[in-house]
Protein backbone atom coordinates (compact mmCIF):
# COMPACT_ATOMS: atom_id res chain seq x y z
CA MET A 1 0.00 0.00 0.00
CA ASP A 2 1.35 3.44 -0.96
CA VAL A 3 1.05 5.42 2.28
CA SER A 4 1.57 8.76 0.51
CA HIS A 5 -1.49 8.36 -1.72
CA PRO A 6 -3.78 11.41 -1.42
CA ALA A 7 -6.86 9.22 -0.82
CA GLU A 8 -5.27 7.81 2.32
CA HIS A 9 -3.78 11.14 3.45
CA PRO A 10 -6.08 13.91 2.19
CA HIS A 11 -3.95 16.63 3.80
CA ARG A 12 -0.58 15.40 2.50
CA VAL A 13 -0.42 17.93 -0.38
CA ARG A 14 -1.44 20.74 1.97
CA ASP A 15 1.19 19.72 4.52
CA LEU A 16 3.94 19.48 1.87
CA ASN A 17 2.95 22.85 0.40
CA ASP A 18 2.94 24.46 3.86
CA ALA A 19 6.35 23.02 4.74
CA PHE A 20 7.84 24.27 1.46
CA ARG A 21 6.26 27.72 1.70
CA ARG A 22 7.32 28.22 5.32
CA SER A 23 10.92 27.11 4.76
CA PHE A 24 11.53 27.80 1.03
CA SER A 25 13.26 24.41 1.15
CA GLY A 26 12.32 21.38 -0.93
CA GLY A 27 11.50 23.21 -4.14
CA ARG A 28 12.26 26.28 -6.20
CA VAL A 29 11.24 29.86 -5.34
CA VAL A 30 10.80 32.21 -8.30
CA MET A 31 10.30 35.96 -7.96
CA SER A 32 8.93 38.10 -10.75
CA ALA A 33 11.02 40.97 -12.06
CA GLY A 34 8.84 43.39 -10.08
CA VAL A 35 9.40 41.60 -6.78
CA ALA A 36 13.13 41.23 -7.45
CA ALA A 37 13.36 44.99 -8.15
CA LEU A 38 11.75 46.02 -4.86
CA PRO A 39 13.90 47.66 -2.20
CA SER A 40 15.53 44.88 -0.17
CA VAL A 41 13.60 45.72 3.01
CA ALA A 42 10.23 45.56 1.20
CA ARG A 43 11.22 42.36 -0.63
CA ALA A 44 12.29 40.71 2.64
CA ALA A 45 9.00 41.76 4.27
CA LEU A 46 6.97 40.30 1.38
CA LEU A 47 8.90 37.02 1.52
CA ALA A 48 8.29 36.86 5.28
CA ALA A 49 4.57 37.51 4.70
CA VAL A 50 4.42 34.65 2.18
CA ARG A 51 6.16 32.33 4.63
CA GLY A 52 3.79 33.29 7.43
CA PHE A 53 0.58 33.31 5.39
CA ASP A 54 -2.23 31.46 7.16
CA ARG A 55 -5.45 33.09 5.98
CA PHE A 56 -6.75 30.21 3.88
CA ASP A 57 -10.48 30.05 3.22
CA ALA A 58 -12.96 28.64 0.70
CA ASP A 59 -12.35 31.54 -1.71
CA ASN A 60 -8.55 31.32 -1.97
CA ASP A 61 -8.16 27.61 -1.15
CA PRO A 62 -11.16 25.68 -2.53
CA HIS A 63 -9.26 22.37 -2.70
CA GLY A 64 -7.56 22.68 0.69
CA GLU A 65 -4.05 22.48 -0.79
CA HIS A 66 -2.69 25.81 0.55
CA ASP A 67 -1.23 26.62 -2.87
CA PHE A 68 -2.25 30.27 -3.35
CA GLY A 69 -2.37 33.48 -1.35
CA VAL A 70 -2.16 37.25 -1.34
CA ALA A 71 0.26 39.19 0.84
CA ALA A 72 0.52 42.95 1.30
CA VAL A 73 3.37 44.78 3.01
CA ALA A 74 4.53 48.42 2.92
CA GLY A 75 2.10 49.30 0.14
CA TYR A 76 3.12 46.37 -2.07
CA ARG A 77 0.60 43.64 -2.83
CA CYS A 78 1.72 40.29 -4.19
CA PHE A 79 0.24 36.99 -5.25
CA TRP A 80 2.00 33.72 -4.59
CA LYS A 81 1.25 30.32 -6.09
CA ILE A 82 2.71 26.85 -5.61
CA ASP A 83 2.73 24.57 -8.65
CA CYS A 84 3.44 20.86 -8.39
CA ASP A 85 5.32 19.76 -11.49
CA ASP A 86 6.90 16.50 -12.55
CA LEU A 87 10.65 16.19 -12.05
CA CYS A 88 11.57 17.38 -15.57
CA PRO A 89 9.72 19.91 -14.94
CA ARG A 90 7.50 19.97 -18.02
CA PHE A 91 4.11 18.72 -16.88
CA ALA A 92 1.98 18.56 -13.76
CA SER A 93 3.11 16.07 -11.15
CA PRO A 94 1.49 12.64 -11.47
CA ASP A 95 1.05 12.67 -7.67
CA PRO A 96 1.60 15.96 -5.79
CA ALA A 97 1.45 14.03 -2.49
CA ASP A 98 4.62 12.11 -3.45
CA PRO A 99 7.84 14.18 -3.17
CA ALA A 100 9.72 11.50 -5.12
CA VAL A 101 7.83 12.46 -8.30
CA THR A 102 7.08 16.12 -7.58
CA SER A 103 9.01 19.35 -8.04
CA ARG A 104 7.38 22.25 -6.17
CA VAL A 105 7.72 25.77 -7.57
CA LEU A 106 6.62 28.80 -5.56
CA THR A 107 6.11 31.87 -7.75
CA ILE A 108 5.79 35.30 -6.15
CA MET A 109 4.67 38.29 -8.21
CA LEU A 110 3.38 41.80 -7.66
CA ALA A 111 -0.40 42.01 -8.12
CA GLU A 112 0.00 44.51 -10.96
CA GLU A 113 2.19 42.06 -12.89
CA ASN A 114 -0.69 39.59 -13.18
């Protein structure tokens, strides 16, 4: 029996996404050009806000995977999104609950860059 199968552990994807977002470890973090160009203090504050985000609800997290949020700091508003890709990474992961076949990518962008 595959103990990491989402049907057996419905919160496994959420837990993996939370661990990655809080630590920025276990995947790749990508900042848009706008975020990268922010003053270092504002950029650090936005990254800290993404790490500490915990305001998930039915509107921003309908599948309970904790893979999207909005953070605002010092007048800057950003969106962040976690994608679960295959290991290439070219396609979606065949099983986002299995780190052995999943590459997580956290993208952070200014709201106006959307």
